[in-house]
């Protein structure tokens, strides 16, 4: 994805989260949807961070075996 697309998607997720935040205590469905959107936003933020860090070292890093990503890796900010 291009940087602009990722930024617009993150903004869209933030708007969705702000609308759902009022209803997470009222409905389990809203709570689940809120959590899903929060994870999607974290993934997009990680992708944006990776786009910013496209250096020679990161390009070489892709040649090395990948480590398994944990969900907590997306929330390190």
PDB file of N, CA and C in Angstrom:
ATOM      1  N   UNK A   1       0.835  -1.191   0.000  1.00  0.00           N
ATOM      2  CA  UNK A   1       0.000   0.000   0.000  1.00  0.00           C
ATOM      3  C   UNK A   1       0.870   1.241   0.000  1.00  0.00           C
ATOM      4  N   UNK A   2       0.386   2.272  -0.623  1.00  0.00           N
ATOM      5  CA  UNK A   2       1.109   3.525  -0.607  1.00  0.00           C
ATOM      6  C   UNK A   2       0.899   4.222   0.724  1.00  0.00           C
ATOM      7  N   UNK A   3       1.827   5.091   1.026  1.00  0.00           N
ATOM      8  CA  UNK A   3       1.819   5.802   2.302  1.00  0.00           C
ATOM      9  C   UNK A   3       0.522   6.591   2.504  1.00  0.00           C
ATOM     10  N   UNK A   4       0.051   7.270   1.450  1.00  0.00           N
ATOM     11  CA  UNK A   4      -1.170   8.074   1.553  1.00  0.00           C
ATOM     12  C   UNK A   4      -2.395   7.209   1.830  1.00  0.00           C
ATOM     13  N   UNK A   5      -2.444   6.035   1.194  1.00  0.00           N
ATOM     14  CA  UNK A   5      -3.556   5.117   1.419  1.00  0.00           C
ATOM     15  C   UNK A   5      -3.568   4.610   2.858  1.00  0.00           C
ATOM     16  N   UNK A   6      -2.408   4.327   3.386  1.00  0.00           N
ATOM     17  CA  UNK A   6      -2.315   3.838   4.757  1.00  0.00           C
ATOM     18  C   UNK A   6      -2.749   4.926   5.736  1.00  0.00           C
ATOM     19  N   UNK A   7      -2.303   6.154   5.497  1.00  0.00           N
ATOM     20  CA  UNK A   7      -2.670   7.257   6.388  1.00  0.00           C
ATOM     21  C   UNK A   7      -4.174   7.498   6.355  1.00  0.00           C
ATOM     22  N   UNK A   8      -4.779   7.479   5.171  1.00  0.00           N
ATOM     23  CA  UNK A   8      -6.228   7.686   5.084  1.00  0.00           C
ATOM     24  C   UNK A   8      -6.989   6.535   5.737  1.00  0.00           C
ATOM     25  N   UNK A   9      -6.477   5.325   5.625  1.00  0.00           N
ATOM     26  CA  UNK A   9      -7.114   4.177   6.283  1.00  0.00           C
ATOM     27  C   UNK A   9      -7.026   4.295   7.800  1.00  0.00           C
ATOM     28  N   UNK A  10      -5.897   4.774   8.299  1.00  0.00           N
ATOM     29  CA  UNK A  10      -5.738   4.960   9.742  1.00  0.00           C
ATOM     30  C   UNK A  10      -6.723   6.011  10.241  1.00  0.00           C
ATOM     31  N   UNK A  11      -6.869   7.100   9.507  1.00  0.00           N
ATOM     32  CA  UNK A  11      -7.838   8.139   9.894  1.00  0.00           C
ATOM     33  C   UNK A  11      -9.257   7.593   9.908  1.00  0.00           C
ATOM     34  N   UNK A  12      -9.579   6.774   8.910  1.00  0.00           N
ATOM     35  CA  UNK A  12     -10.903   6.170   8.839  1.00  0.00           C
ATOM     36  C   UNK A  12     -11.144   5.257  10.043  1.00  0.00           C
ATOM     37  N   UNK A  13     -10.130   4.490  10.404  1.00  0.00           N
ATOM     38  CA  UNK A  13     -10.252   3.599  11.573  1.00  0.00           C
ATOM     39  C   UNK A  13     -10.429   4.411  12.855  1.00  0.00           C
ATOM     40  N   UNK A  14      -9.741   5.553  12.960  1.00  0.00           N
ATOM     41  CA  UNK A  14      -9.877   6.403  14.143  1.00  0.00           C
ATOM     42  C   UNK A  14     -11.291   6.951  14.264  1.00  0.00           C
ATOM     43  N   UNK A  15     -11.892   7.331  13.140  1.00  0.00           N
ATOM     44  CA  UNK A  15     -13.276   7.815  13.147  1.00  0.00           C
ATOM     45  C   UNK A  15     -14.224   6.701  13.572  1.00  0.00           C
ATOM     46  N   UNK A  16     -14.019   5.511  13.038  1.00  0.00           N
ATOM     47  CA  UNK A  16     -14.862   4.378  13.405  1.00  0.00           C
ATOM     48  C   UNK A  16     -14.727   4.061  14.887  1.00  0.00           C
ATOM     49  N   UNK A  17     -13.500   4.112  15.395  1.00  0.00           N
ATOM     50  CA  UNK A  17     -13.274   3.827  16.815  1.00  0.00           C
ATOM     51  C   UNK A  17     -13.952   4.863  17.700  1.00  0.00           C
ATOM     52  N   UNK A  18     -13.892   6.129  17.306  1.00  0.00           N
ATOM     53  CA  UNK A  18     -14.517   7.165  18.119  1.00  0.00           C
ATOM     54  C   UNK A  18     -16.034   7.005  18.157  1.00  0.00           C
ATOM     55  N   UNK A  19     -16.631   6.563  17.064  1.00  0.00           N
ATOM     56  CA  UNK A  19     -18.074   6.338  17.037  1.00  0.00           C
ATOM     57  C   UNK A  19     -18.469   5.113  17.849  1.00  0.00           C
ATOM     58  N   UNK A  20     -17.649   4.084  17.811  1.00  0.00           N
ATOM     59  CA  UNK A  20     -17.971   2.850  18.531  1.00  0.00           C
ATOM     60  C   UNK A  20     -17.669   2.941  20.026  1.00  0.00           C
ATOM     61  N   UNK A  21     -16.786   3.851  20.405  1.00  0.00           N
ATOM     62  CA  UNK A  21     -16.361   3.938  21.799  1.00  0.00           C
ATOM     63  C   UNK A  21     -17.538   4.187  22.737  1.00  0.00           C
ATOM     64  N   UNK A  22     -18.544   4.911  22.265  1.00  0.00           N
ATOM     65  CA  UNK A  22     -19.722   5.207  23.079  1.00  0.00           C
ATOM     66  C   UNK A  22     -20.565   3.968  23.350  1.00  0.00           C
ATOM     67  N   UNK A  23     -20.468   2.980  22.497  1.00  0.00           N
ATOM     68  CA  UNK A  23     -21.371   1.830  22.550  1.00  0.00           C
ATOM     69  C   UNK A  23     -20.722   0.521  23.004  1.00  0.00           C
ATOM     70  N   UNK A  24     -19.446   0.522  23.345  1.00  0.00           N
ATOM     71  CA  UNK A  24     -18.786  -0.750  23.674  1.00  0.00           C
ATOM     72  C   UNK A  24     -19.312  -1.363  24.966  1.00  0.00           C
ATOM     73  N   UNK A  25     -19.796  -0.547  25.878  1.00  0.00           N
ATOM     74  CA  UNK A  25     -20.340  -1.089  27.121  1.00  0.00           C
ATOM     75  C   UNK A  25     -21.766  -1.607  26.950  1.00  0.00           C
ATOM     76  N   UNK A  26     -22.442  -1.158  25.918  1.00  0.00           N
ATOM     77  CA  UNK A  26     -23.852  -1.492  25.725  1.00  0.00           C
ATOM     78  C   UNK A  26     -24.061  -2.804  24.979  1.00  0.00           C
ATOM     79  N   UNK A  27     -23.127  -3.171  24.113  1.00  0.00           N
ATOM     80  CA  UNK A  27     -23.336  -4.330  23.254  1.00  0.00           C
ATOM     81  C   UNK A  27     -22.039  -5.114  23.087  1.00  0.00           C
ATOM     82  N   UNK A  28     -22.176  -6.421  23.121  1.00  0.00           N
ATOM     83  CA  UNK A  28     -21.014  -7.284  22.913  1.00  0.00           C
ATOM     84  C   UNK A  28     -20.546  -7.219  21.459  1.00  0.00           C
ATOM     85  N   UNK A  29     -21.480  -7.063  20.534  1.00  0.00           N
ATOM     86  CA  UNK A  29     -21.140  -6.962  19.119  1.00  0.00           C
ATOM     87  C   UNK A  29     -20.302  -5.696  18.874  1.00  0.00           C
ATOM     88  N   UNK A  30     -20.702  -4.584  19.483  1.00  0.00           N
ATOM     89  CA  UNK A  30     -19.950  -3.342  19.339  1.00  0.00           C
ATOM     90  C   UNK A  30     -18.565  -3.481  19.963  1.00  0.00           C
ATOM     91  N   UNK A  31     -18.489  -4.161  21.066  1.00  0.00           N
ATOM     92  CA  UNK A  31     -17.207  -4.375  21.724  1.00  0.00           C
ATOM     93  C   UNK A  31     -16.274  -5.210  20.852  1.00  0.00           C
ATOM     94  N   UNK A  32     -16.801  -6.264  20.257  1.00  0.00           N
ATOM     95  CA  UNK A  32     -15.996  -7.103  19.365  1.00  0.00           C
ATOM     96  C   UNK A  32     -15.553  -6.326  18.124  1.00  0.00           C
ATOM     97  N   UNK A  33     -16.449  -5.533  17.565  1.00  0.00           N
ATOM     98  CA  UNK A  33     -16.119  -4.729  16.394  1.00  0.00           C
ATOM     99  C   UNK A  33     -15.071  -3.676  16.734  1.00  0.00           C
ATOM    100  N   UNK A  34     -15.188  -3.077  17.896  1.00  0.00           N
ATOM    101  CA  UNK A  34     -14.209  -2.093  18.355  1.00  0.00           C
ATOM    102  C   UNK A  34     -12.825  -2.732  18.448  1.00  0.00           C
ATOM    103  N   UNK A  35     -12.755  -3.912  19.040  1.00  0.00           N
ATOM    104  CA  UNK A  35     -11.476  -4.621  19.176  1.00  0.00           C
ATOM    105  C   UNK A  35     -10.889  -4.983  17.812  1.00  0.00           C
ATOM    106  N   UNK A  36     -11.743  -5.406  16.892  1.00  0.00           N
ATOM    107  CA  UNK A  36     -11.288  -5.770  15.551  1.00  0.00           C
ATOM    108  C   UNK A  36     -10.704  -4.554  14.832  1.00  0.00           C
ATOM    109  N   UNK A  37     -11.400  -3.424  14.913  1.00  0.00           N
ATOM    110  CA  UNK A  37     -10.931  -2.205  14.255  1.00  0.00           C
ATOM    111  C   UNK A  37      -9.649  -1.706  14.903  1.00  0.00           C
ATOM    112  N   UNK A  38      -9.536  -1.853  16.207  1.00  0.00           N
ATOM    113  CA  UNK A  38      -8.329  -1.451  16.920  1.00  0.00           C
ATOM    114  C   UNK A  38      -7.120  -2.249  16.442  1.00  0.00           C
ATOM    115  N   UNK A  39      -7.304  -3.541  16.229  1.00  0.00           N
ATOM    116  CA  UNK A  39      -6.220  -4.394  15.728  1.00  0.00           C
ATOM    117  C   UNK A  39      -5.872  -4.013  14.289  1.00  0.00           C
ATOM    118  N   UNK A  40      -6.889  -3.744  13.460  1.00  0.00           N
ATOM    119  CA  UNK A  40      -6.631  -3.331  12.076  1.00  0.00           C
ATOM    120  C   UNK A  40      -5.844  -2.022  12.036  1.00  0.00           C
ATOM    121  N   UNK A  41      -6.193  -1.091  12.922  1.00  0.00           N
ATOM    122  CA  UNK A  41      -5.482   0.183  12.984  1.00  0.00           C
ATOM    123  C   UNK A  41      -4.027  -0.039  13.406  1.00  0.00           C
ATOM    124  N   UNK A  42      -3.810  -0.938  14.355  1.00  0.00           N
ATOM    125  CA  UNK A  42      -2.450  -1.229  14.806  1.00  0.00           C
ATOM    126  C   UNK A  42      -1.625  -1.840  13.681  1.00  0.00           C
ATOM    127  N   UNK A  43      -2.236  -2.698  12.886  1.00  0.00           N
ATOM    128  CA  UNK A  43      -1.537  -3.308  11.752  1.00  0.00           C
ATOM    129  C   UNK A  43      -1.173  -2.237  10.721  1.00  0.00           C
ATOM    130  N   UNK A  44      -2.101  -1.329  10.442  1.00  0.00           N
ATOM    131  CA  UNK A  44      -1.824  -0.250   9.495  1.00  0.00           C
ATOM    132  C   UNK A  44      -0.722   0.665  10.009  1.00  0.00           C
ATOM    133  N   UNK A  45      -0.729   0.942  11.301  1.00  0.00           N
ATOM    134  CA  UNK A  45       0.315   1.784  11.896  1.00  0.00           C
ATOM    135  C   UNK A  45       1.679   1.114  11.773  1.00  0.00           C
ATOM    136  N   UNK A  46       1.718  -0.192  11.963  1.00  0.00           N
ATOM    137  CA  UNK A  46       2.967  -0.937  11.827  1.00  0.00           C
ATOM    138  C   UNK A  46       3.461  -0.905  10.377  1.00  0.00           C
ATOM    139  N   UNK A  47       2.537  -1.030   9.428  1.00  0.00           N
ATOM    140  CA  UNK A  47       2.911  -0.959   8.011  1.00  0.00           C
ATOM    141  C   UNK A  47       3.469   0.421   7.670  1.00  0.00           C
ATOM    142  N   UNK A  48       2.861   1.471   8.213  1.00  0.00           N
ATOM    143  CA  UNK A  48       3.341   2.828   7.974  1.00  0.00           C
ATOM    144  C   UNK A  48       4.727   3.015   8.571  1.00  0.00           C
ATOM    145  N   UNK A  49       4.932   2.466   9.744  1.00  0.00           N
ATOM    146  CA  UNK A  49       6.243   2.542  10.393  1.00  0.00           C
ATOM    147  C   UNK A  49       7.300   1.812   9.567  1.00  0.00           C
ATOM    148  N   UNK A  50       6.934   0.676   9.003  1.00  0.00           N
ATOM    149  CA  UNK A  50       7.872  -0.087   8.183  1.00  0.00           C
ATOM    150  C   UNK A  50       8.195   0.642   6.884  1.00  0.00           C
ATOM    151  N   UNK A  51       7.222   1.383   6.335  1.00  0.00           N
ATOM    152  CA  UNK A  51       7.484   2.159   5.127  1.00  0.00           C
ATOM    153  C   UNK A  51       8.467   3.296   5.402  1.00  0.00           C
ATOM    154  N   UNK A  52       8.385   3.882   6.567  1.00  0.00           N
ATOM    155  CA  UNK A  52       9.286   4.971   6.926  1.00  0.00           C
ATOM    156  C   UNK A  52      10.710   4.460   7.123  1.00  0.00           C
ATOM    157  N   UNK A  53      10.846   3.239   7.554  1.00  0.00           N
ATOM    158  CA  UNK A  53      12.163   2.698   7.862  1.00  0.00           C
ATOM    159  C   UNK A  53      12.766   1.864   6.755  1.00  0.00           C
ATOM    160  N   UNK A  54      12.546   2.229   5.514  1.00  0.00           N
ATOM    161  CA  UNK A  54      13.089   1.471   4.395  1.00  0.00           C
ATOM    162  C   UNK A  54      14.545   1.859   4.148  1.00  0.00           C
ATOM    163  N   UNK A  55      15.413   1.360   4.958  1.00  0.00           N
ATOM    164  CA  UNK A  55      16.838   1.614   4.775  1.00  0.00           C
ATOM    165  C   UNK A  55      17.502   0.351   4.243  1.00  0.00           C
ATOM    166  N   UNK A  56      18.773   0.436   4.033  1.00  0.00           N
ATOM    167  CA  UNK A  56      19.522  -0.729   3.540  1.00  0.00           C
ATOM    168  C   UNK A  56      19.451  -1.868   4.542  1.00  0.00           C
ATOM    169  N   UNK A  57      19.516  -1.517   5.821  1.00  0.00           N
ATOM    170  CA  UNK A  57      19.466  -2.537   6.863  1.00  0.00           C
ATOM    171  C   UNK A  57      18.128  -3.273   6.848  1.00  0.00           C
ATOM    172  N   UNK A  58      17.038  -2.538   6.664  1.00  0.00           N
ATOM    173  CA  UNK A  58      15.733  -3.197   6.642  1.00  0.00           C
ATOM    174  C   UNK A  58      15.561  -4.058   5.397  1.00  0.00           C
ATOM    175  N   UNK A  59      16.191  -3.664   4.294  1.00  0.00           N
ATOM    176  CA  UNK A  59      16.112  -4.484   3.084  1.00  0.00           C
ATOM    177  C   UNK A  59      16.865  -5.790   3.267  1.00  0.00           C
ATOM    178  N   UNK A  60      18.000  -5.728   3.939  1.00  0.00           N
ATOM    179  CA  UNK A  60      18.763  -6.941   4.230  1.00  0.00           C
ATOM    180  C   UNK A  60      18.001  -7.811   5.226  1.00  0.00           C
ATOM    181  N   UNK A  61      17.317  -7.177   6.135  1.00  0.00           N
ATOM    182  CA  UNK A  61      16.555  -7.879   7.161  1.00  0.00           C
ATOM    183  C   UNK A  61      15.491  -8.795   6.540  1.00  0.00           C
ATOM    184  N   UNK A  62      14.956  -8.385   5.376  1.00  0.00           N
ATOM    185  CA  UNK A  62      13.947  -9.208   4.701  1.00  0.00           C
ATOM    186  C   UNK A  62      14.531 -10.501   4.148  1.00  0.00           C
ATOM    187  N   UNK A  63      15.827 -10.537   3.950  1.00  0.00           N
ATOM    188  CA  UNK A  63      16.466 -11.751   3.450  1.00  0.00           C
ATOM    189  C   UNK A  63      16.657 -12.793   4.549  1.00  0.00           C
ATOM    190  N   UNK A  64      16.710 -12.320   5.781  1.00  0.00           N
ATOM    191  CA  UNK A  64      16.870 -13.215   6.918  1.00  0.00           C
ATOM    192  C   UNK A  64      15.550 -13.904   7.230  1.00  0.00           C
ATOM    193  N   UNK A  65      15.594 -15.040   7.900  1.00  0.00           N
ATOM    194  CA  UNK A  65      14.344 -15.724   8.254  1.00  0.00           C
ATOM    195  C   UNK A  65      13.487 -14.839   9.147  1.00  0.00           C
ATOM    196  N   UNK A  66      12.182 -14.855   8.865  1.00  0.00           N
ATOM    197  CA  UNK A  66      11.252 -14.020   9.621  1.00  0.00           C
ATOM    198  C   UNK A  66      10.935 -14.631  10.967  1.00  0.00           C
ATOM    199  N   UNK A  67      10.829 -13.747  11.951  1.00  0.00           N
ATOM    200  CA  UNK A  67      10.372 -14.183  13.257  1.00  0.00           C
ATOM    201  C   UNK A  67       8.857 -14.070  13.283  1.00  0.00           C
ATOM    202  N   UNK A  68       8.244 -14.909  14.073  1.00  0.00           N
ATOM    203  CA  UNK A  68       6.799 -14.874  14.195  1.00  0.00           C
ATOM    204  C   UNK A  68       6.384 -13.605  14.927  1.00  0.00           C
ATOM    205  N   UNK A  69       5.368 -12.912  14.399  1.00  0.00           N
ATOM    206  CA  UNK A  69       4.893 -11.684  15.032  1.00  0.00           C
ATOM    207  C   UNK A  69       3.836 -12.014  16.068  1.00  0.00           C
ATOM    208  N   UNK A  70       3.942 -11.354  17.181  1.00  0.00           N
ATOM    209  CA  UNK A  70       2.960 -11.489  18.240  1.00  0.00           C
ATOM    210  C   UNK A  70       2.040 -10.281  18.207  1.00  0.00           C
ATOM    211  N   UNK A  71       0.864 -10.411  18.781  1.00  0.00           N
ATOM    212  CA  UNK A  71      -0.081  -9.300  18.771  1.00  0.00           C
ATOM    213  C   UNK A  71       0.469  -8.105  19.542  1.00  0.00           C
ATOM    214  N   UNK A  72       1.304  -8.347  20.537  1.00  0.00           N
ATOM    215  CA  UNK A  72       1.865  -7.235  21.314  1.00  0.00           C
ATOM    216  C   UNK A  72       2.859  -6.425  20.469  1.00  0.00           C
ATOM    217  N   UNK A  73       3.389  -6.996  19.392  1.00  0.00           N
ATOM    218  CA  UNK A  73       4.311  -6.273  18.528  1.00  0.00           C
ATOM    219  C   UNK A  73       3.622  -5.109  17.813  1.00  0.00           C
ATOM    220  N   UNK A  74       2.314  -5.236  17.586  1.00  0.00           N
ATOM    221  CA  UNK A  74       1.584  -4.186  16.892  1.00  0.00           C
ATOM    222  C   UNK A  74       1.268  -3.002  17.797  1.00  0.00           C
ATOM    223  N   UNK A  75       1.379  -3.182  19.105  1.00  0.00           N
ATOM    224  CA  UNK A  75       1.031  -2.130  20.034  1.00  0.00           C
ATOM    225  C   UNK A  75       2.235  -1.456  20.666  1.00  0.00           C
ATOM    226  N   UNK A  76       3.418  -1.701  20.136  1.00  0.00           N
ATOM    227  CA  UNK A  76       4.632  -1.060  20.657  1.00  0.00           C
ATOM    228  C   UNK A  76       4.791   0.294  20.000  1.00  0.00           C
ATOM    229  N   UNK A  77       4.329   1.332  20.631  1.00  0.00           N
ATOM    230  CA  UNK A  77       4.483   2.697  20.095  1.00  0.00           C
ATOM    231  C   UNK A  77       4.921   3.618  21.151  1.00  0.00           C
TER     232      UNK A  77
END
